[in-house]
Amino acid sequence: MLLLLVNRRFRELVLCYPKNLAFSHTQKSNYVDVKMKWMKDPLYDSVNILLKSKELRPLISLKNIISKEPTGCIPISAVSKQNRILEVSGKVAGFLRRYPAVFEEFTSPKYNLPWFKLTQEAADLHHRECKVYAAHRSEIVDRLRRLILMSRERSLPLRTVQGMLWYLGLPEDYLKNSEEISKGYFQIVDMGDGEQGLSASICSNEQVFSVLQRNAMKSNGILHSPPSVIDFPLFPSKGFRLKRKIEQWLEEFQKVEYVSPYETFSSLDPNSDISEKRVAGVLHELLSLFVDNSAERRRLLCLKKHLGLPQKFHMVFERHPHIFYLLLKSKTCFVVLKEAYCAGSETAIERHPLLGVREGYVRLMIESEAILRSRRSTKPLEEIS
């Protein structure tokens, strides 16, 4: 009986004792189970590039296929069976006909089949896109480098990089025709199990600061080193109220030390507040690199292991609604970085060079909707639009 009591007391002491003595004084583990209801925000639900992002990706992919043809046109048979690759719901022909301001349909005189070419407006926009990319290539490529530098080994599998090219604003065939790889800016490395990856290096005297660190340095007038404690810029949605308990937790969370996404994190206690703040910082920095500062949530899963994100890292989006917004659209969920749309000139987030071009494609998509409405009605297009 005495032995059982001793064993029970020993187990209680073990459970109460800090798991990691080295961080027992610096890393708090006062996890608060924050549960918040999702709230619709008209501000983000009215941004056209966010609303059209899912259709925009296959539209630009089809535009690229057509523009690469010497004749500038393709028969429908060339892409009719690529709906899964292009991620088009339904038939590709139906998708092309949905956007008459982008794709012009005609019948080949030789073969009685539908052919498609770009409208003049879409072709002009494509040429503008090529010029912008050529002029800002180094800046856009640097966003890929930053993503790689955030990873554990400063390298990412090629298939993972391929999945991020769209969000970073790089061409779909970038890995096949990369000047940066051939010139040694990036290196192809062996990731094990027969998989290749893309690696980036950093100079010993080079300092890579995150957006949050640059925000703090800008607001405090610091030029060289950011403070160790950095607050997240918070943008509460109109009408959204936090319970007092959650407000207190958020105030304490802001006071926790900030760990940059570009710093090593292996020594952090995964159950601590500092670890959660790092995860929120990684996701904040990640979205700041993307063209429209948003991404389909499921697309980020491939980065989980490489960026040191926890199994249920998506909970961070729900626990921090003042930082991230979840846009539910087209039977999927997009994550939006609020700071990019609310902070104005007060943020260090740099506008992506290709954002204006993609907004141009979105305008053509909206114009296409007006064209289709005019075809279904007797009113001219000017009256409908």
Protein backbone atom coordinates (compact mmCIF):
# COMPACT_ATOMS: atom_id res chain seq x y z
CA MET A 1 0.00 0.00 0.00
CA LEU A 2 2.83 2.35 0.91
CA LEU A 3 4.56 1.53 -2.36
CA LEU A 4 1.45 2.47 -4.36
CA LEU A 5 1.24 5.82 -2.59
CA VAL A 6 4.90 6.54 -3.30
CA ASN A 7 4.50 5.66 -7.00
CA ARG A 8 1.39 7.83 -7.28
CA ARG A 9 3.19 10.78 -5.65
CA PHE A 10 6.15 10.28 -7.97
CA ARG A 11 3.91 10.40 -11.03
CA GLU A 12 2.27 13.62 -9.81
CA LEU A 13 5.68 15.23 -9.35
CA VAL A 14 6.78 14.18 -12.84
CA LEU A 15 3.63 15.62 -14.42
CA CYS A 16 4.00 18.91 -12.56
CA TYR A 17 7.71 19.29 -13.22
CA PRO A 18 8.74 21.37 -16.29
CA LYS A 19 9.48 19.21 -19.30
CA ASN A 20 12.24 21.48 -20.54
CA LEU A 21 14.17 23.20 -17.74
CA ALA A 22 16.17 25.34 -20.16
CA PHE A 23 13.02 27.15 -21.25
CA SER A 24 10.94 27.01 -18.08
CA HIS A 25 11.77 30.67 -17.35
CA THR A 26 11.43 32.04 -20.89
CA GLN A 27 8.58 30.12 -22.52
CA LYS A 28 5.11 30.28 -21.07
CA SER A 29 2.79 27.34 -21.53
CA ASN A 30 -0.41 29.03 -20.37
CA TYR A 31 -2.38 27.89 -23.42
CA VAL A 32 -5.87 29.36 -23.57
CA ASP A 33 -8.42 27.39 -25.53
CA VAL A 34 -9.65 30.19 -27.80
CA LYS A 35 -12.82 29.35 -29.70
CA MET A 36 -14.35 32.00 -31.92
CA LYS A 37 -17.21 31.95 -34.38
CA TRP A 38 -16.37 32.79 -37.98
CA MET A 39 -17.78 36.18 -38.94
CA LYS A 40 -18.38 37.41 -42.46
CA ASP A 41 -16.61 40.66 -43.33
CA PRO A 42 -17.97 42.61 -46.35
CA LEU A 43 -14.61 44.37 -46.78
CA TYR A 44 -12.82 41.23 -47.97
CA ASP A 45 -15.90 39.66 -49.56
CA SER A 46 -16.00 42.60 -51.99
CA VAL A 47 -12.38 42.48 -53.21
CA ASN A 48 -12.65 41.16 -56.76
CA ILE A 49 -9.19 39.60 -56.99
CA LEU A 50 -9.95 37.55 -53.87
CA LEU A 51 -13.39 36.52 -55.10
CA LYS A 52 -12.09 35.49 -58.55
CA SER A 53 -8.81 33.90 -57.44
CA LYS A 54 -9.92 30.29 -57.89
CA GLU A 55 -11.05 30.86 -61.51
CA LEU A 56 -8.17 33.22 -62.25
CA ARG A 57 -5.55 30.50 -61.94
CA PRO A 58 -6.88 28.18 -64.71
CA LEU A 59 -7.74 31.23 -66.83
CA ILE A 60 -4.11 32.40 -66.83
CA SER A 61 -2.90 28.84 -67.42
CA LEU A 62 -5.08 28.61 -70.55
CA LYS A 63 -3.94 32.07 -71.61
CA ASN A 64 -0.33 30.91 -71.35
CA ILE A 65 -1.02 27.80 -73.45
CA ILE A 66 -2.57 29.88 -76.22
CA SER A 67 0.09 32.60 -76.14
CA LYS A 68 2.90 30.04 -76.58
CA GLU A 69 1.46 28.79 -79.87
CA PRO A 70 3.16 30.29 -82.96
CA THR A 71 -0.24 30.93 -84.53
CA GLY A 72 -1.68 32.37 -81.32
CA CYS A 73 -4.64 30.00 -81.35
CA ILE A 74 -5.50 26.42 -80.42
CA PRO A 75 -8.22 23.88 -81.26
CA ILE A 76 -10.40 22.84 -78.35
CA SER A 77 -9.02 19.30 -78.74
CA ALA A 78 -5.62 20.56 -77.50
CA VAL A 79 -6.96 21.26 -74.02
CA SER A 80 -10.31 19.48 -73.80
CA LYS A 81 -8.92 16.62 -71.72
CA GLN A 82 -6.83 18.77 -69.37
CA ASN A 83 -9.63 19.83 -67.04
CA ARG A 84 -8.05 18.01 -64.08
CA ILE A 85 -4.59 19.41 -64.76
CA LEU A 86 -5.98 22.90 -65.19
CA GLU A 87 -8.33 22.37 -62.22
CA VAL A 88 -11.36 23.39 -64.25
CA SER A 89 -14.71 22.19 -62.97
CA GLY A 90 -16.69 20.86 -65.91
CA LYS A 91 -15.59 21.00 -69.52
CA VAL A 92 -12.71 23.19 -70.63
CA ALA A 93 -14.72 24.45 -73.61
CA GLY A 94 -17.42 25.70 -71.26
CA PHE A 95 -14.81 27.47 -69.14
CA LEU A 96 -13.32 29.22 -72.20
CA ARG A 97 -16.76 30.34 -73.38
CA ARG A 98 -17.47 31.74 -69.91
CA TYR A 99 -14.91 34.51 -70.52
CA PRO A 100 -15.51 36.02 -73.99
CA ALA A 101 -13.54 39.16 -73.04
CA VAL A 102 -10.44 36.93 -72.70
CA PHE A 103 -10.94 34.09 -75.18
CA GLU A 104 -12.38 34.55 -78.67
CA GLU A 105 -13.98 31.52 -80.29
CA PHE A 106 -14.00 30.88 -84.02
CA THR A 107 -14.37 27.93 -86.39
CA SER A 108 -11.37 26.79 -88.38
CA PRO A 109 -11.94 26.93 -92.16
CA LYS A 110 -10.05 23.65 -92.56
CA TYR A 111 -11.64 21.67 -89.77
CA ASN A 112 -15.17 22.22 -88.47
CA LEU A 113 -13.98 22.44 -84.87
CA PRO A 114 -14.04 25.22 -82.25
CA TRP A 115 -10.78 27.14 -81.99
CA PHE A 116 -9.82 29.78 -79.44
CA LYS A 117 -7.49 32.76 -79.45
CA LEU A 118 -6.92 35.67 -77.11
CA THR A 119 -8.91 38.84 -77.53
CA GLN A 120 -6.90 41.96 -78.28
CA GLU A 121 -7.38 43.20 -74.70
CA ALA A 122 -6.14 39.89 -73.28
CA ALA A 123 -3.18 39.79 -75.68
CA ASP A 124 -2.19 43.34 -74.69
CA LEU A 125 -2.43 42.39 -71.03
CA HIS A 126 -0.24 39.34 -71.66
CA HIS A 127 2.45 41.52 -73.24
CA ARG A 128 2.24 43.89 -70.29
CA GLU A 129 2.63 40.92 -67.92
CA CYS A 130 5.79 39.79 -69.73
CA LYS A 131 7.29 43.29 -69.52
CA VAL A 132 6.50 43.64 -65.80
CA TYR A 133 8.02 40.23 -65.04
CA ALA A 134 11.18 41.05 -67.02
CA ALA A 135 11.57 44.41 -65.27
CA HIS A 136 10.98 43.04 -61.75
CA ARG A 137 12.30 39.50 -62.12
CA SER A 138 14.93 39.76 -59.37
CA GLU A 139 12.38 41.15 -56.92
CA ILE A 140 9.86 38.39 -57.67
CA VAL A 141 12.52 35.65 -57.53
CA ASP A 142 13.66 36.99 -54.16
CA ARG A 143 10.22 36.11 -52.77
CA LEU A 144 10.92 32.47 -53.63
CA ARG A 145 14.31 32.76 -51.94
CA ARG A 146 12.68 34.10 -48.78
CA LEU A 147 10.23 31.20 -48.75
CA ILE A 148 13.10 28.72 -49.00
CA LEU A 149 15.06 30.51 -46.25
CA MET A 150 12.08 30.04 -43.92
CA SER A 151 12.35 26.24 -44.16
CA ARG A 152 14.23 23.99 -41.71
CA GLU A 153 17.10 23.06 -44.01
CA ARG A 154 16.79 26.13 -46.25
CA SER A 155 15.63 23.83 -49.03
CA LEU A 156 12.24 22.72 -50.33
CA PRO A 157 11.23 19.79 -52.57
CA LEU A 158 10.82 20.78 -56.20
CA ARG A 159 7.18 19.61 -56.20
CA THR A 160 6.48 21.88 -53.23
CA VAL A 161 8.15 24.82 -54.95
CA GLN A 162 6.13 24.09 -58.09
CA GLY A 163 2.92 24.36 -56.08
CA MET A 164 3.93 27.79 -54.74
CA LEU A 165 4.96 29.40 -58.06
CA TRP A 166 1.46 30.75 -58.74
CA TYR A 167 1.23 32.48 -55.38
CA LEU A 168 4.73 33.95 -55.69
CA GLY A 169 4.04 35.30 -59.19
CA LEU A 170 6.52 33.07 -61.02
CA PRO A 171 5.78 31.34 -64.37
CA GLU A 172 4.54 27.75 -64.33
CA ASP A 173 7.67 26.62 -66.21
CA TYR A 174 10.08 28.55 -63.99
CA LEU A 175 11.89 25.46 -62.68
CA LYS A 176 12.49 24.27 -66.25
CA ASN A 177 13.87 27.59 -67.49
CA SER A 178 15.37 29.19 -64.41
CA GLU A 179 18.33 31.48 -65.01
CA GLU A 180 18.82 31.63 -61.25
CA ILE A 181 19.41 27.86 -61.04
CA SER A 182 21.83 27.82 -63.97
CA LYS A 183 23.78 30.77 -62.51
CA GLY A 184 23.97 29.26 -59.00
CA TYR A 185 21.57 31.64 -57.24
CA PHE A 186 19.58 28.50 -56.34
CA GLN A 187 20.99 24.98 -56.11
CA ILE A 188 19.39 21.64 -56.90
CA VAL A 189 19.97 19.35 -53.91
CA ASP A 190 19.16 15.77 -52.94
CA MET A 191 16.32 15.65 -50.38
CA GLY A 192 16.53 11.86 -49.86
CA ASP A 193 14.31 9.04 -51.08
CA GLY A 194 15.13 9.98 -54.65
CA GLU A 195 13.56 13.43 -54.34
CA GLN A 196 15.25 16.62 -55.47
CA GLY A 197 14.86 20.01 -53.89
CA LEU A 198 15.70 23.67 -54.36
CA SER A 199 18.14 25.24 -51.93
CA ALA A 200 19.08 28.82 -51.16
CA SER A 201 22.01 30.11 -49.16
CA ILE A 202 22.55 33.19 -47.03
CA CYS A 203 25.76 35.16 -46.50
CA SER A 204 27.30 35.22 -43.03
CA ASN A 205 26.85 39.00 -42.73
CA GLU A 206 23.40 39.11 -44.40
CA GLN A 207 20.38 39.98 -42.28
CA VAL A 208 16.95 38.94 -43.47
CA PHE A 209 14.16 40.72 -41.64
CA SER A 210 10.50 39.78 -41.71
CA VAL A 211 7.68 42.22 -42.48
CA LEU A 212 6.83 42.48 -38.80
CA GLN A 213 10.44 43.30 -37.93
CA ARG A 214 10.58 45.95 -40.64
CA ASN A 215 7.26 47.35 -39.38
CA ALA A 216 8.73 47.68 -35.88
CA MET A 217 11.95 49.22 -37.14
CA LYS A 218 9.99 51.70 -39.25
CA SER A 219 7.66 52.78 -36.46
CA ASN A 220 10.46 53.03 -33.86
CA GLY A 221 12.97 54.72 -36.14
CA ILE A 222 15.45 51.84 -35.74
CA LEU A 223 17.80 51.20 -38.64
CA HIS A 224 19.79 48.08 -37.78
CA SER A 225 18.18 45.70 -35.28
CA PRO A 226 14.48 45.12 -34.50
CA PRO A 227 13.18 44.78 -30.91
CA SER A 228 12.81 41.31 -29.38
CA VAL A 229 9.12 41.83 -28.57
CA ILE A 230 6.96 42.79 -31.56
CA ASP A 231 3.20 43.25 -31.64
CA PHE A 232 1.10 41.92 -34.49
CA PRO A 233 -0.89 44.68 -36.20
CA LEU A 234 -4.51 43.87 -35.37
CA PHE A 235 -7.47 44.69 -37.62
CA PRO A 236 -10.75 43.64 -35.97
CA SER A 237 -13.72 43.25 -38.29
CA LYS A 238 -16.61 45.65 -37.80
CA GLY A 239 -18.98 44.35 -35.16
CA PHE A 240 -16.56 41.64 -34.00
CA ARG A 241 -16.18 41.54 -30.20
CA LEU A 242 -13.87 39.37 -28.09
CA LYS A 243 -14.72 38.02 -24.69
CA ARG A 244 -12.80 39.58 -21.82
CA LYS A 245 -10.89 36.36 -21.14
CA ILE A 246 -9.74 36.23 -24.77
CA GLU A 247 -8.82 39.93 -24.76
CA GLN A 248 -6.58 39.36 -21.74
CA TRP A 249 -4.96 36.36 -23.43
CA LEU A 250 -4.36 38.43 -26.58
CA GLU A 251 -2.75 41.23 -24.58
CA GLU A 252 -0.35 38.73 -22.97
CA PHE A 253 0.26 37.06 -26.34
CA GLN A 254 1.43 40.36 -27.83
CA LYS A 255 4.02 40.68 -25.04
CA VAL A 256 5.60 37.32 -25.85
CA GLU A 257 9.00 37.38 -27.56
CA TYR A 258 8.88 37.36 -31.36
CA VAL A 259 10.89 34.70 -33.20
CA SER A 260 11.57 35.56 -36.84
CA PRO A 261 10.58 32.98 -39.49
CA TYR A 262 14.19 33.13 -40.69
CA GLU A 263 15.63 32.09 -37.31
CA THR A 264 16.19 28.54 -36.07
CA PHE A 265 13.30 27.21 -33.98
CA SER A 266 14.28 23.64 -33.04
CA SER A 267 14.83 24.59 -29.39
CA LEU A 268 11.34 26.03 -28.87
CA ASP A 269 8.80 24.21 -26.72
CA PRO A 270 5.93 23.42 -29.15
CA ASN A 271 3.38 23.87 -26.34
CA SER A 272 4.49 27.38 -25.42
CA ASP A 273 3.07 30.79 -26.30
CA ILE A 274 6.36 31.76 -27.95
CA SER A 275 5.99 28.79 -30.30
CA GLU A 276 2.44 29.81 -31.23
CA LYS A 277 3.61 33.36 -31.87
CA ARG A 278 6.32 32.01 -34.15
CA VAL A 279 3.77 29.96 -36.12
CA ALA A 280 1.54 33.03 -36.51
CA GLY A 281 4.61 34.98 -37.61
CA VAL A 282 5.56 32.34 -40.20
CA LEU A 283 2.06 32.37 -41.71
CA HIS A 284 2.02 36.18 -41.65
CA GLU A 285 5.35 36.35 -43.48
CA LEU A 286 4.30 33.63 -45.94
CA LEU A 287 1.14 35.45 -47.01
CA SER A 288 3.06 38.73 -47.28
CA LEU A 289 5.15 37.16 -50.07
CA PHE A 290 2.16 36.16 -52.22
CA VAL A 291 0.76 38.24 -55.10
CA ASP A 292 -2.60 39.07 -53.51
CA ASN A 293 -1.54 38.22 -49.93
CA SER A 294 -3.94 35.29 -49.79
CA ALA A 295 -3.91 31.56 -50.49
CA GLU A 296 -6.24 28.61 -50.58
CA ARG A 297 -5.83 27.11 -47.12
CA ARG A 298 -5.40 23.52 -48.27
CA ARG A 299 -2.51 24.56 -50.55
CA LEU A 300 -0.41 25.44 -47.51
CA LEU A 301 -0.44 21.87 -46.18
CA CYS A 302 2.60 20.93 -48.27
CA LEU A 303 4.67 23.50 -46.34
CA LYS A 304 3.74 22.21 -42.90
CA LYS A 305 6.69 19.91 -42.28
CA HIS A 306 9.29 22.13 -43.94
CA LEU A 307 8.33 25.33 -42.10
CA GLY A 308 8.00 23.60 -38.73
CA LEU A 309 4.25 24.14 -38.46
CA PRO A 310 2.20 22.01 -36.04
CA GLN A 311 -0.24 19.33 -37.16
CA LYS A 312 -3.26 21.61 -36.71
CA PHE A 313 -1.60 24.86 -37.76
CA HIS A 314 -4.86 25.96 -39.41
CA MET A 315 -6.18 26.63 -35.90
CA VAL A 316 -3.92 29.72 -35.80
CA PHE A 317 -6.13 31.33 -38.46
CA GLU A 318 -9.18 30.77 -36.27
CA ARG A 319 -7.45 31.86 -33.04
CA HIS A 320 -6.26 35.14 -34.59
CA PRO A 321 -9.17 36.65 -36.56
CA HIS A 322 -7.66 40.15 -36.12
CA ILE A 323 -4.65 39.04 -38.22
CA PHE A 324 -6.16 36.59 -40.71
CA TYR A 325 -9.52 36.44 -42.46
CA LEU A 326 -11.04 33.19 -43.73
CA LEU A 327 -12.82 33.79 -47.03
CA LEU A 328 -15.30 31.02 -47.82
CA LYS A 329 -15.84 30.91 -51.57
CA SER A 330 -16.49 28.25 -54.24
CA LYS A 331 -16.72 25.41 -51.70
CA THR A 332 -13.24 26.11 -50.37
CA CYS A 333 -11.48 28.35 -47.86
CA PHE A 334 -8.98 31.11 -48.60
CA VAL A 335 -6.76 32.74 -45.98
CA VAL A 336 -6.31 36.51 -46.32
CA LEU A 337 -3.67 38.60 -44.56
CA LYS A 338 -5.66 41.55 -43.19
CA GLU A 339 -2.67 43.87 -42.86
CA ALA A 340 -2.16 43.95 -46.63
CA TYR A 341 -5.67 45.33 -47.15
CA CYS A 342 -6.12 47.55 -44.08
CA ALA A 343 -2.78 49.05 -43.05
CA GLY A 344 -2.29 51.36 -46.04
CA SER A 345 1.09 53.12 -46.00
CA GLU A 346 1.81 52.05 -42.43
CA THR A 347 2.85 48.53 -43.40
CA ALA A 348 6.19 47.29 -44.71
CA ILE A 349 4.41 44.79 -46.98
CA GLU A 350 5.50 45.57 -50.53
CA ARG A 351 2.92 45.51 -53.29
CA HIS A 352 3.68 42.64 -55.66
CA PRO A 353 4.72 43.89 -59.13
CA LEU A 354 2.25 41.53 -60.86
CA LEU A 355 -0.77 42.40 -58.71
CA GLY A 356 -1.93 45.13 -61.10
CA VAL A 357 -1.69 42.74 -64.06
CA ARG A 358 -3.78 40.09 -62.35
CA GLU A 359 -6.32 42.74 -61.41
CA GLY A 360 -6.48 43.50 -65.14
CA TYR A 361 -7.40 39.88 -65.90
CA VAL A 362 -10.06 40.04 -63.19
CA ARG A 363 -11.55 43.13 -64.87
CA LEU A 364 -11.80 41.15 -68.11
CA MET A 365 -13.52 38.34 -66.21
CA ILE A 366 -16.09 40.79 -64.84
CA GLU A 367 -16.51 42.29 -68.31
CA SER A 368 -17.16 38.78 -69.62
CA GLU A 369 -20.05 38.41 -67.19
CA ALA A 370 -21.56 41.62 -68.57
CA ILE A 371 -21.12 40.36 -72.15
CA LEU A 372 -22.90 37.09 -71.35
CA ARG A 373 -25.74 38.96 -69.64
CA SER A 374 -26.17 41.18 -72.71
CA ARG A 375 -26.36 38.11 -74.95
CA ARG A 376 -29.15 36.67 -72.83
CA SER A 377 -31.13 39.91 -72.84
CA THR A 378 -32.31 42.41 -75.42
CA LYS A 379 -30.48 45.33 -73.77
CA PRO A 380 -27.17 46.53 -75.22
CA LEU A 381 -23.97 45.93 -73.27
CA GLU A 382 -23.61 49.64 -72.33
CA GLU A 383 -26.94 49.64 -70.47
CA ILE A 384 -26.16 46.44 -68.54
CA SER A 385 -22.65 47.42 -67.47
